[in-house]
N, C-alpha and C. Protein backbone atom coordinates (compact mmCIF):
# COMPACT_ATOMS: atom_id res chain seq x y z
N MET A 1 -26.83 3.77 -3.20
CA MET A 1 -26.41 4.59 -2.70
C MET A 1 -25.14 4.08 -2.00
N ARG A 2 -25.32 2.80 -1.28
CA ARG A 2 -24.42 2.05 -0.20
C ARG A 2 -23.30 1.60 -1.37
N GLU A 3 -23.80 0.89 -2.22
CA GLU A 3 -22.41 0.56 -3.28
C GLU A 3 -21.77 0.94 -3.93
N ALA A 4 -22.55 2.68 -4.10
CA ALA A 4 -21.48 3.90 -4.52
C ALA A 4 -20.55 4.71 -3.10
N LYS A 5 -21.32 4.54 -2.27
CA LYS A 5 -20.22 4.93 -1.05
C LYS A 5 -19.01 3.91 -1.17
N LYS A 6 -19.13 2.67 -1.09
CA LYS A 6 -18.66 1.54 -1.24
C LYS A 6 -17.47 1.53 -2.24
N ALA A 7 -17.82 1.56 -3.60
CA ALA A 7 -16.71 1.89 -4.68
C ALA A 7 -15.98 2.80 -4.11
N LYS A 8 -16.71 4.33 -3.63
CA LYS A 8 -15.88 5.45 -3.43
C LYS A 8 -14.93 5.46 -2.72
N VAL A 9 -14.89 4.26 -1.45
CA VAL A 9 -13.95 4.15 -0.65
C VAL A 9 -12.42 3.54 -1.22
N ILE A 10 -13.28 2.14 -1.89
CA ILE A 10 -12.81 1.24 -2.32
C ILE A 10 -11.66 1.69 -3.37
N GLN A 11 -11.73 3.37 -4.31
CA GLN A 11 -11.29 3.92 -5.06
C GLN A 11 -10.50 4.39 -4.69
N ALA A 12 -10.78 5.39 -3.42
CA ALA A 12 -10.02 6.47 -2.70
C ALA A 12 -8.76 5.09 -1.50
N ALA A 13 -8.96 4.43 -1.48
CA ALA A 13 -7.87 3.22 -0.68
C ALA A 13 -7.31 2.96 -1.57
N GLU A 14 -7.72 2.58 -2.74
CA GLU A 14 -6.29 1.89 -3.95
C GLU A 14 -5.67 3.22 -3.72
N ALA A 15 -5.79 4.69 -4.43
CA ALA A 15 -4.59 5.87 -4.51
C ALA A 15 -4.10 5.81 -3.11
N SER A 16 -4.69 5.71 -2.08
CA SER A 16 -3.91 5.82 -0.99
C SER A 16 -2.91 4.45 -0.74
N PHE A 17 -2.95 3.36 -1.04
CA PHE A 17 -1.97 2.52 -0.69
C PHE A 17 -0.83 2.35 -1.52
N LEU A 18 -1.77 2.96 -2.94
CA LEU A 18 -0.78 3.01 -4.29
C LEU A 18 0.61 3.90 -3.88
N ARG A 19 -0.24 5.35 -3.14
CA ARG A 19 0.56 6.19 -2.62
C ARG A 19 1.63 6.25 -1.56
N TYR A 20 1.25 5.47 -0.96
CA TYR A 20 1.98 5.01 0.65
C TYR A 20 2.14 3.75 0.97
N GLY A 21 1.53 2.81 0.43
CA GLY A 21 2.09 1.41 0.96
C GLY A 21 0.69 1.31 1.61
N TYR A 22 0.65 -0.20 2.53
CA TYR A 22 -0.35 -0.64 2.96
C TYR A 22 0.09 -0.10 4.65
N ARG A 23 0.97 -0.20 5.16
CA ARG A 23 1.44 0.30 6.54
C ARG A 23 0.68 1.53 7.34
N ARG A 24 1.39 2.65 5.97
CA ARG A 24 1.58 4.07 6.83
C ARG A 24 -0.11 4.43 6.70
N VAL A 25 -0.90 3.66 5.51
CA VAL A 25 -2.20 4.21 5.62
C VAL A 25 -3.17 3.80 6.54
N THR A 26 -3.78 5.07 7.19
CA THR A 26 -4.97 4.63 8.46
C THR A 26 -6.30 4.51 7.90
N MET A 27 -7.17 4.63 8.67
CA MET A 27 -8.55 4.47 8.54
C MET A 27 -9.14 6.04 8.24
N GLY A 28 -8.46 6.87 9.09
CA GLY A 28 -8.51 8.38 9.19
C GLY A 28 -8.34 8.75 7.25
N ASP A 29 -6.84 8.06 7.13
CA ASP A 29 -6.43 8.37 5.72
C ASP A 29 -7.75 8.52 4.51
N ILE A 30 -7.81 7.30 5.13
CA ILE A 30 -8.93 6.41 3.71
C ILE A 30 -10.27 7.33 3.79
N ALA A 31 -10.83 7.41 5.00
CA ALA A 31 -12.08 8.10 5.40
C ALA A 31 -11.52 9.84 4.43
N SER A 32 -10.91 10.31 4.86
CA SER A 32 -10.94 11.68 4.46
C SER A 32 -10.68 11.60 2.96
N ALA A 33 -10.02 10.65 2.21
CA ALA A 33 -9.68 10.50 0.97
C ALA A 33 -11.32 10.03 0.22
N ALA A 34 -11.90 9.79 0.60
CA ALA A 34 -12.90 9.41 0.23
C ALA A 34 -14.39 10.03 0.49
N GLY A 35 -13.88 11.48 1.44
CA GLY A 35 -14.87 12.47 1.62
C GLY A 35 -15.89 12.02 2.42
N LEU A 36 -15.71 10.79 4.00
CA LEU A 36 -16.49 10.64 4.66
C LEU A 36 -16.01 10.74 6.30
N SER A 37 -16.59 11.15 6.94
CA SER A 37 -15.72 10.40 8.76
C SER A 37 -15.59 9.42 9.06
N ARG A 38 -14.72 8.94 10.00
CA ARG A 38 -13.88 7.35 10.16
C ARG A 38 -15.96 6.74 10.66
N PRO A 39 -16.64 7.24 11.47
CA PRO A 39 -18.08 6.96 11.84
C PRO A 39 -18.39 6.10 10.36
N ALA A 40 -18.31 7.19 9.91
CA ALA A 40 -19.37 6.42 8.87
C ALA A 40 -18.38 5.17 7.57
N LEU A 41 -17.12 5.80 7.83
CA LEU A 41 -16.34 4.63 6.87
C LEU A 41 -16.34 3.40 7.76
N TYR A 42 -16.66 3.10 9.01
CA TYR A 42 -16.86 2.01 9.38
C TYR A 42 -18.18 1.30 9.53
N LEU A 43 -19.00 2.33 8.83
CA LEU A 43 -20.59 1.39 8.44
C LEU A 43 -20.15 0.98 7.38
N HIS A 44 -19.28 1.21 6.38
CA HIS A 44 -19.31 0.02 5.04
C HIS A 44 -17.90 -1.20 5.46
N PHE A 45 -16.88 -0.41 6.16
CA PHE A 45 -15.99 -1.78 6.29
C PHE A 45 -15.05 -1.84 7.66
N CYS A 46 -15.02 -2.69 8.44
CA CYS A 46 -14.73 -3.01 9.65
C CYS A 46 -13.25 -3.04 10.19
N ASN A 47 -12.32 -3.16 9.22
CA ASN A 47 -10.80 -2.20 9.51
C ASN A 47 -10.47 -2.00 8.04
N LYS A 48 -9.19 -1.67 7.93
CA LYS A 48 -8.53 -1.63 7.21
C LYS A 48 -7.91 -2.95 6.16
N GLU A 49 -8.18 -4.04 6.94
CA GLU A 49 -7.92 -5.06 6.22
C GLU A 49 -8.88 -5.52 5.51
N THR A 50 -10.38 -5.07 5.61
CA THR A 50 -10.87 -5.35 4.52
C THR A 50 -11.45 -4.41 3.62
N ILE A 51 -10.89 -3.64 3.82
CA ILE A 51 -10.64 -2.81 2.64
C ILE A 51 -9.85 -3.11 1.64
N PHE A 52 -8.83 -3.29 2.46
CA PHE A 52 -7.72 -4.13 1.26
C PHE A 52 -7.89 -4.92 0.50
N GLU A 53 -8.47 -5.68 1.44
CA GLU A 53 -8.76 -7.24 0.19
C GLU A 53 -9.63 -6.60 -0.51
N ALA A 54 -10.75 -5.64 -0.43
CA ALA A 54 -11.72 -5.09 -1.62
C ALA A 54 -11.17 -4.52 -2.52
N VAL A 55 -9.69 -3.56 -2.26
CA VAL A 55 -8.98 -3.11 -3.41
C VAL A 55 -8.55 -4.49 -4.19
N LEU A 56 -8.36 -4.83 -3.61
CA LEU A 56 -7.21 -6.12 -4.03
C LEU A 56 -8.57 -6.86 -5.01
N ARG A 57 -9.63 -7.10 -4.22
CA ARG A 57 -10.44 -7.79 -5.78
C ARG A 57 -10.77 -7.12 -6.57
N ALA A 58 -11.45 -5.59 -6.38
CA ALA A 58 -11.14 -4.63 -7.40
C ALA A 58 -10.43 -4.71 -8.57
N PHE A 59 -9.22 -4.56 -8.12
CA PHE A 59 -8.05 -4.47 -9.00
C PHE A 59 -7.90 -5.62 -9.77
N MET A 60 -7.92 -6.41 -9.22
CA MET A 60 -7.87 -8.07 -9.96
C MET A 60 -9.12 -8.23 -11.10
N THR A 61 -9.94 -7.76 -10.86
CA THR A 61 -11.29 -7.66 -11.60
C THR A 61 -11.07 -7.02 -12.73
N ARG A 62 -10.76 -5.55 -12.58
CA ARG A 62 -10.18 -4.97 -13.12
C ARG A 62 -9.53 -5.67 -14.57
N ALA A 63 -8.45 -6.27 -13.91
CA ALA A 63 -7.06 -6.52 -14.83
C ALA A 63 -7.71 -7.85 -15.51
N ILE A 64 -8.76 -8.69 -15.09
CA ILE A 64 -9.46 -9.82 -15.90
C ILE A 64 -10.41 -9.17 -16.79
N GLU A 65 -10.65 -7.77 -16.47
CA GLU A 65 -11.59 -7.36 -17.94
C GLU A 65 -10.56 -6.92 -18.67
N ASP A 66 -9.86 -5.84 -18.31
CA ASP A 66 -8.61 -5.28 -19.23
C ASP A 66 -7.72 -6.48 -20.29
N LEU A 67 -8.05 -7.66 -19.64
CA LEU A 67 -6.94 -8.82 -20.75
C LEU A 67 -8.53 -9.15 -21.39
N ARG A 68 -9.35 -9.33 -20.77
CA ARG A 68 -10.51 -10.08 -21.86
C ARG A 68 -10.48 -9.37 -22.75
N ALA A 69 -10.98 -7.76 -22.65
CA ALA A 69 -11.18 -6.74 -23.85
C ALA A 69 -9.85 -6.50 -24.64
N GLY A 70 -8.69 -7.24 -24.13
CA GLY A 70 -7.37 -6.46 -25.13
C GLY A 70 -7.17 -7.91 -25.96
N LEU A 71 -7.85 -8.81 -25.32
CA LEU A 71 -7.15 -10.37 -26.09
C LEU A 71 -7.18 -10.20 -27.77
N ALA A 72 -8.53 -9.88 -28.12
CA ALA A 72 -8.76 -9.84 -29.02
C ALA A 72 -8.44 -8.98 -30.53
N GLN A 73 -7.55 -8.34 -29.48
CA GLN A 73 -6.35 -7.72 -30.96
C GLN A 73 -5.22 -8.24 -31.20
N GLN A 74 -4.91 -9.32 -30.04
CA GLN A 74 -3.75 -10.23 -30.30
C GLN A 74 -4.08 -11.29 -31.42
N GLY A 75 -2.83 -10.94 -31.68
CA GLY A 75 -2.74 -12.51 -32.90
C GLY A 75 -2.48 -14.07 -32.30
N THR A 76 -1.23 -14.21 -32.39
CA THR A 76 -0.92 -15.50 -31.80
C THR A 76 -0.85 -15.63 -30.40
N VAL A 77 -0.68 -17.32 -30.19
CA VAL A 77 -0.85 -17.52 -28.76
C VAL A 77 0.11 -16.66 -27.85
N GLU A 78 1.38 -16.43 -28.47
CA GLU A 78 2.59 -15.96 -27.89
C GLU A 78 2.26 -14.73 -27.71
N ASP A 79 1.60 -14.16 -28.70
CA ASP A 79 1.26 -12.42 -28.14
C ASP A 79 0.17 -12.04 -27.46
N ARG A 80 -0.75 -13.32 -27.46
CA ARG A 80 -1.93 -13.07 -26.46
C ARG A 80 -1.12 -13.51 -25.13
N LEU A 81 -0.55 -14.63 -24.89
CA LEU A 81 0.55 -14.74 -23.57
C LEU A 81 0.92 -13.35 -22.96
N ARG A 82 1.59 -12.62 -24.22
CA ARG A 82 2.80 -11.63 -23.44
C ARG A 82 1.76 -10.64 -22.94
N PHE A 83 0.63 -10.57 -23.60
CA PHE A 83 -0.16 -9.16 -23.66
C PHE A 83 -1.17 -9.75 -22.09
N ALA A 84 -1.17 -10.64 -21.91
CA ALA A 84 -1.91 -10.98 -20.53
C ALA A 84 -0.84 -11.35 -19.48
N PHE A 85 0.61 -11.49 -19.58
CA PHE A 85 1.18 -10.99 -18.19
C PHE A 85 1.43 -9.61 -18.37
N ASP A 86 1.61 -8.93 -19.39
CA ASP A 86 1.57 -7.30 -19.29
C ASP A 86 0.48 -6.76 -18.34
N VAL A 87 -0.34 -6.90 -18.77
CA VAL A 87 -2.00 -6.58 -17.71
C VAL A 87 -2.23 -7.34 -16.42
N TRP A 88 -1.17 -8.75 -16.30
CA TRP A 88 -1.69 -9.39 -15.07
C TRP A 88 -0.54 -8.79 -14.26
N ALA A 89 0.77 -8.48 -14.62
CA ALA A 89 2.10 -8.48 -13.85
C ALA A 89 2.95 -7.23 -14.37
N VAL A 90 3.28 -6.85 -15.26
CA VAL A 90 4.24 -6.02 -15.64
C VAL A 90 3.43 -4.63 -15.35
N ARG A 91 2.45 -4.11 -15.70
CA ARG A 91 1.52 -2.73 -15.08
C ARG A 91 1.59 -3.01 -13.85
N PRO A 92 1.18 -3.55 -13.35
CA PRO A 92 1.02 -3.69 -12.05
C PRO A 92 2.03 -3.26 -11.06
N PHE A 93 3.32 -4.33 -11.34
CA PHE A 93 4.51 -3.95 -11.10
C PHE A 93 5.02 -2.57 -11.05
N GLY A 94 4.92 -1.93 -12.58
CA GLY A 94 5.23 -0.58 -12.58
C GLY A 94 4.45 0.53 -11.69
N LEU A 95 3.13 0.05 -11.48
CA LEU A 95 2.40 1.14 -10.64
C LEU A 95 3.36 1.00 -9.36
N LEU A 96 3.13 -0.04 -8.90
CA LEU A 96 3.62 -0.47 -7.49
C LEU A 96 5.48 0.27 -7.17
N ALA A 97 5.78 -0.19 -8.72
CA ALA A 97 7.67 0.10 -8.16
C ALA A 97 7.35 1.87 -8.65
N ALA A 98 6.84 2.57 -8.90
CA ALA A 98 6.69 3.87 -9.07
C ALA A 98 6.97 4.60 -7.86
N THR A 99 6.30 3.92 -6.24
CA THR A 99 6.09 4.85 -5.70
C THR A 99 6.83 4.09 -4.28
N PRO A 100 8.55 4.37 -4.03
CA PRO A 100 8.95 3.46 -3.13
C PRO A 100 8.02 2.92 -1.58
N ASP A 101 7.33 4.06 -0.89
CA ASP A 101 6.19 2.92 -0.08
C ASP A 101 5.50 1.96 -0.69
N ALA A 102 5.32 2.24 -1.90
CA ALA A 102 4.18 1.34 -2.36
C ALA A 102 4.82 -0.25 -2.50
N LYS A 103 5.92 -0.39 -2.32
CA LYS A 103 6.66 -1.50 -3.26
C LYS A 103 6.38 -2.15 -2.24
N GLU A 104 6.10 -2.67 -0.67
CA GLU A 104 5.89 -3.34 0.01
C GLU A 104 4.50 -4.29 -0.52
N LEU A 105 3.66 -3.69 -0.97
CA LEU A 105 2.47 -4.45 -2.25
C LEU A 105 3.15 -5.51 -3.30
N ILE A 106 4.30 -4.96 -3.84
CA ILE A 106 4.54 -5.98 -4.65
C ILE A 106 4.60 -7.52 -4.38
N ASP A 107 5.23 -7.57 -2.93
CA ASP A 107 5.18 -9.06 -2.28
C ASP A 107 3.72 -9.59 -1.93
N CYS A 108 3.25 -8.44 -1.38
CA CYS A 108 1.52 -9.04 -1.63
C CYS A 108 1.45 -10.18 -0.31
N GLY A 109 2.46 -10.17 0.80
CA GLY A 109 2.19 -11.48 1.61
C GLY A 109 1.61 -10.94 2.72
N PHE A 110 0.48 -10.51 2.53
CA PHE A 110 -0.35 -10.21 3.89
C PHE A 110 -1.46 -11.44 3.91
N GLU A 111 -1.30 -12.08 4.95
CA GLU A 111 -2.39 -13.29 5.32
C GLU A 111 -3.57 -12.95 5.09
N PHE A 112 -3.96 -11.89 5.68
CA PHE A 112 -5.68 -11.74 5.74
C PHE A 112 -6.01 -11.41 4.29
N ALA A 113 -5.22 -11.55 3.48
CA ALA A 113 -5.89 -11.11 2.49
C ALA A 113 -5.61 -12.47 1.40
N ARG A 114 -4.83 -13.62 1.77
CA ARG A 114 -4.46 -14.65 0.74
C ARG A 114 -5.82 -15.16 0.26
N GLU A 115 -7.07 -14.92 0.53
CA GLU A 115 -7.91 -15.79 -0.12
C GLU A 115 -8.53 -14.92 -1.34
N ALA A 116 -8.53 -13.61 -1.47
CA ALA A 116 -8.20 -13.01 -2.65
C ALA A 116 -7.26 -13.02 -3.84
N ILE A 117 -6.28 -13.31 -2.89
CA ILE A 117 -4.83 -12.98 -3.89
C ILE A 117 -5.18 -14.34 -4.39
N ASN A 118 -5.13 -15.39 -4.09
CA ASN A 118 -5.65 -16.89 -4.70
C ASN A 118 -6.94 -16.73 -5.79
N GLN A 119 -7.60 -16.67 -4.97
CA GLN A 119 -8.81 -16.22 -5.75
C GLN A 119 -8.58 -15.62 -7.51
N GLY A 120 -8.08 -14.57 -7.34
CA GLY A 120 -7.51 -13.79 -8.11
C GLY A 120 -6.69 -14.32 -9.55
N THR A 121 -5.74 -15.27 -8.58
CA THR A 121 -4.91 -15.77 -9.41
C THR A 121 -5.30 -16.72 -10.05
N GLU A 122 -6.05 -17.62 -9.73
CA GLU A 122 -7.05 -18.85 -10.48
C GLU A 122 -7.55 -18.20 -11.29
N ALA A 123 -8.18 -17.18 -11.09
CA ALA A 123 -8.78 -16.64 -12.50
C ALA A 123 -8.31 -16.48 -13.60
N PHE A 124 -6.53 -15.63 -13.17
CA PHE A 124 -5.78 -15.53 -14.14
C PHE A 124 -5.51 -17.00 -14.74
N GLU A 125 -5.12 -17.56 -14.03
CA GLU A 125 -4.60 -18.91 -14.82
C GLU A 125 -5.72 -19.43 -15.92
N ALA A 126 -6.82 -19.64 -15.17
CA ALA A 126 -7.95 -20.22 -16.00
C ALA A 126 -8.02 -19.38 -17.12
N GLU A 127 -7.49 -17.76 -17.52
CA GLU A 127 -7.39 -17.53 -18.91
C GLU A 127 -6.40 -17.84 -19.44
N LEU A 128 -5.29 -17.96 -18.93
CA LEU A 128 -4.18 -18.57 -19.40
C LEU A 128 -4.69 -19.66 -19.77
N ALA A 129 -4.80 -20.60 -19.40
CA ALA A 129 -5.49 -21.79 -19.87
C ALA A 129 -6.37 -21.84 -21.23
N ALA A 130 -7.11 -21.17 -21.11
CA ALA A 130 -8.05 -20.78 -22.35
C ALA A 130 -7.10 -20.40 -23.48
N ILE A 131 -6.29 -19.28 -23.47
CA ILE A 131 -5.16 -18.74 -24.18
C ILE A 131 -4.37 -19.88 -24.81
N LEU A 132 -3.95 -21.07 -23.96
CA LEU A 132 -2.86 -21.60 -24.43
C LEU A 132 -3.77 -23.23 -25.12
N ALA A 133 -5.18 -23.13 -24.67
CA ALA A 133 -5.47 -24.63 -25.27
C ALA A 133 -5.46 -24.68 -26.90
N PRO A 134 -5.58 -23.55 -27.84
CA PRO A 134 -5.66 -23.74 -28.80
C PRO A 134 -3.93 -24.70 -29.52
N ARG A 135 -2.92 -24.18 -28.83
CA ARG A 135 -1.26 -24.33 -29.17
C ARG A 135 -1.60 -26.08 -28.69
N LEU A 136 -2.29 -26.45 -27.81
CA LEU A 136 -2.14 -27.73 -27.16
C LEU A 136 -3.10 -28.72 -27.85
N GLY A 137 -4.11 -28.02 -28.76
CA GLY A 137 -5.20 -28.98 -29.62
C GLY A 137 -5.69 -30.02 -28.74
N SER A 138 -6.40 -30.93 -29.55
CA SER A 138 -7.63 -31.92 -28.46
C SER A 138 -6.82 -33.00 -28.22
N ASN A 139 -5.80 -33.18 -27.80
CA ASN A 139 -4.85 -34.29 -27.20
C ASN A 139 -5.44 -34.96 -26.20
N PRO A 140 -5.51 -35.99 -25.78
CA PRO A 140 -5.78 -36.38 -24.47
C PRO A 140 -4.84 -35.54 -23.18
N GLY A 141 -5.84 -35.09 -22.39
CA GLY A 141 -5.03 -34.75 -21.38
C GLY A 141 -4.71 -32.76 -21.69
N ALA A 142 -4.96 -32.47 -22.89
CA ALA A 142 -4.58 -31.13 -23.08
C ALA A 142 -4.85 -30.37 -22.25
N GLU A 143 -6.45 -30.03 -21.44
CA GLU A 143 -7.03 -29.39 -21.14
C GLU A 143 -6.34 -29.18 -19.57
N SER A 144 -5.82 -30.62 -19.09
CA SER A 144 -4.84 -30.42 -17.82
C SER A 144 -3.63 -29.81 -18.11
N GLN A 145 -3.11 -30.29 -18.86
CA GLN A 145 -1.86 -29.46 -19.38
C GLN A 145 -1.69 -28.52 -19.51
N ALA A 146 -2.86 -27.52 -20.42
CA ALA A 146 -2.68 -26.07 -20.31
C ALA A 146 -3.16 -25.58 -18.82
N GLN A 147 -3.60 -26.34 -18.04
CA GLN A 147 -4.18 -25.67 -16.79
C GLN A 147 -2.95 -26.09 -15.88
N ASP A 148 -1.95 -26.68 -16.04
CA ASP A 148 -0.51 -27.20 -15.51
C ASP A 148 0.55 -26.04 -16.07
N VAL A 149 0.40 -25.77 -17.31
CA VAL A 149 1.42 -24.77 -17.72
C VAL A 149 0.85 -23.51 -17.22
N ALA A 150 -0.23 -23.06 -17.04
CA ALA A 150 -0.92 -21.71 -16.98
C ALA A 150 -0.18 -21.49 -15.48
N ARG A 151 -0.33 -22.91 -14.34
CA ARG A 151 0.08 -22.60 -12.90
C ARG A 151 1.44 -22.69 -13.05
N ILE A 152 2.25 -23.16 -13.63
CA ILE A 152 3.72 -23.01 -13.88
C ILE A 152 4.04 -21.62 -14.16
N LEU A 153 3.66 -21.29 -15.38
CA LEU A 153 3.69 -19.53 -15.76
C LEU A 153 3.64 -18.87 -15.09
N THR A 154 2.32 -18.87 -14.30
CA THR A 154 2.08 -17.73 -13.27
C THR A 154 2.72 -17.80 -11.68
N ARG A 155 3.34 -18.98 -11.37
CA ARG A 155 4.27 -18.84 -10.30
C ARG A 155 5.78 -18.62 -10.59
N ALA A 156 5.86 -18.67 -11.68
CA ALA A 156 7.60 -18.08 -12.57
C ALA A 156 7.39 -16.77 -12.63
N VAL A 157 6.50 -16.50 -13.08
CA VAL A 157 6.61 -14.63 -12.91
C VAL A 157 6.32 -14.18 -11.53
N GLN A 158 5.46 -14.90 -10.59
CA GLN A 158 5.45 -14.48 -9.18
C GLN A 158 7.21 -13.98 -8.20
N GLY A 159 7.32 -15.12 -8.59
CA GLY A 159 9.13 -15.46 -8.67
C GLY A 159 10.07 -14.49 -8.94
N PHE A 160 9.75 -14.21 -10.31
CA PHE A 160 10.51 -13.00 -10.73
C PHE A 160 10.02 -11.34 -10.29
N LYS A 161 8.96 -11.02 -10.13
CA LYS A 161 8.39 -10.04 -9.41
C LYS A 161 9.89 -9.64 -8.11
N GLN A 162 9.88 -10.53 -7.64
CA GLN A 162 10.85 -10.94 -6.29
C GLN A 162 12.42 -9.88 -6.52
N THR A 163 12.80 -10.58 -7.83
CA THR A 163 14.21 -9.86 -8.47
C THR A 163 13.79 -9.19 -9.50
N ALA A 164 12.89 -8.47 -10.11
CA ALA A 164 13.08 -7.58 -11.36
C ALA A 164 13.23 -6.01 -10.77
N THR A 165 14.04 -5.69 -11.43
CA THR A 165 14.77 -4.07 -10.93
C THR A 165 13.55 -3.05 -11.46
N SER A 166 12.70 -3.46 -12.67
CA SER A 166 11.86 -2.46 -13.50
C SER A 166 10.81 -3.22 -14.34
N PRO A 167 9.79 -2.63 -14.42
CA PRO A 167 8.64 -3.36 -15.20
C PRO A 167 9.56 -3.60 -16.34
N GLU A 168 10.39 -3.11 -17.10
CA GLU A 168 10.80 -3.70 -18.43
C GLU A 168 11.75 -4.95 -18.35
N ASP A 169 12.31 -4.68 -17.20
CA ASP A 169 13.13 -6.01 -16.37
C ASP A 169 12.21 -7.28 -16.45
N LEU A 170 11.09 -6.81 -15.46
CA LEU A 170 10.23 -8.09 -15.79
C LEU A 170 9.57 -8.40 -16.86
N ARG A 171 9.33 -7.95 -17.71
CA ARG A 171 8.81 -7.80 -18.96
C ARG A 171 10.00 -8.82 -20.12
N THR A 172 11.17 -8.94 -19.70
CA THR A 172 11.93 -9.20 -20.46
C THR A 172 12.59 -10.65 -19.83
N MET A 173 11.93 -10.70 -18.27
CA MET A 173 12.08 -12.17 -17.86
C MET A 173 11.07 -13.07 -18.54
N ILE A 174 9.63 -12.37 -18.57
CA ILE A 174 8.07 -12.95 -18.88
C ILE A 174 8.54 -13.55 -20.17
N HIS A 175 9.07 -12.70 -21.43
CA HIS A 175 9.26 -13.27 -22.44
C HIS A 175 10.36 -14.53 -22.71
N GLY A 176 11.57 -14.24 -21.64
CA GLY A 176 12.44 -15.25 -22.38
C GLY A 176 11.66 -16.65 -21.61
N LEU A 177 11.14 -16.46 -20.62
CA LEU A 177 10.55 -17.92 -20.28
C LEU A 177 9.37 -18.46 -21.06
N LEU A 178 8.35 -17.19 -21.94
CA LEU A 178 7.19 -17.79 -22.78
C LEU A 178 8.12 -18.34 -23.86
N ASN A 179 9.58 -17.53 -24.69
CA ASN A 179 10.41 -18.33 -25.21
C ASN A 179 10.94 -19.90 -25.11
N LEU A 180 10.81 -19.73 -23.89
CA LEU A 180 11.29 -21.54 -23.13
C LEU A 180 10.28 -22.72 -23.72
N VAL A 181 9.25 -22.22 -22.99
CA VAL A 181 8.39 -22.99 -22.74
C VAL A 181 7.27 -23.04 -24.05
N LEU A 182 6.98 -22.06 -24.57
CA LEU A 182 6.15 -22.23 -26.16
C LEU A 182 6.46 -23.38 -26.93
N PRO A 183 7.78 -23.64 -27.20
CA PRO A 183 8.58 -24.53 -28.33
C PRO A 183 8.11 -26.10 -28.33
N SER A 184 7.74 -25.96 -26.58
CA SER A 184 7.60 -27.60 -26.45
C SER A 184 6.12 -27.67 -26.21
N LEU A 185 4.87 -26.73 -26.35
CA LEU A 185 3.69 -26.88 -26.53
C LEU A 185 2.94 -26.82 -27.88
N ALA A 186 3.53 -27.62 -29.04
CA ALA A 186 3.10 -28.15 -29.81
C ALA A 186 1.90 -28.48 -30.13
N VAL A 187 1.09 -28.46 -30.91
CA VAL A 187 0.00 -29.48 -31.39
C VAL A 187 0.00 -30.52 -32.01
N GLY A 188 -0.54 -31.93 -31.22
CA GLY A 188 -0.07 -33.08 -31.59
C GLY A 188 0.82 -33.74 -31.29
N ARG A 189 1.55 -32.90 -30.30
CA ARG A 189 2.79 -33.69 -29.00
C ARG A 189 1.86 -34.01 -28.03
N SER A 190 2.43 -35.16 -27.74
CA SER A 190 1.65 -36.14 -26.35
C SER A 190 2.36 -35.27 -25.63
N PRO A 191 1.37 -35.07 -24.15
CA PRO A 191 1.89 -34.25 -22.96
C PRO A 191 3.08 -35.10 -22.34
N GLU A 192 3.40 -36.07 -22.82
CA GLU A 192 4.95 -36.98 -22.24
C GLU A 192 6.08 -36.59 -22.55
N ALA A 193 5.91 -36.08 -24.02
CA ALA A 193 6.88 -35.60 -24.68
C ALA A 193 7.77 -35.01 -23.97
């Protein structure tokens, strides 16, 4: 029962944050949206920051699950990477960009949520490294190179989100980046080349 109520709060809070942004949403708003009293909400979460962190974790978990579920339908490494970034970056960007008050969440520079953000990013980078691995073959250092490339791609896309004007603009930037990087990752090519 307690976990079901927590999940209901997280779902209600996510909808509120997406609609109004972080700063405008109050604990009272979240309680009302979840069908709880404020005192009942405080039994599950001590403050708005912990709710926001739980929303981020749930969102990132769903994104990784969606990514894993959809990868089987993607053919090439390039297709898989495009799909991965679409799930991880483009779709959320579109959700947030659609609501003016939620645009503050695109940056997500909330220090209190840094651990959740970092863990989600690391999980995504691990997925990217696994996608990249076949492209790199069994060269010495291929696993490390896949991790490095995954980190570079992820960090570049985080920067793209700061300047993108639309989801399609972000997608175009990501595809351009992949077109630049992927040719240099051929099987049999040494990491130093």
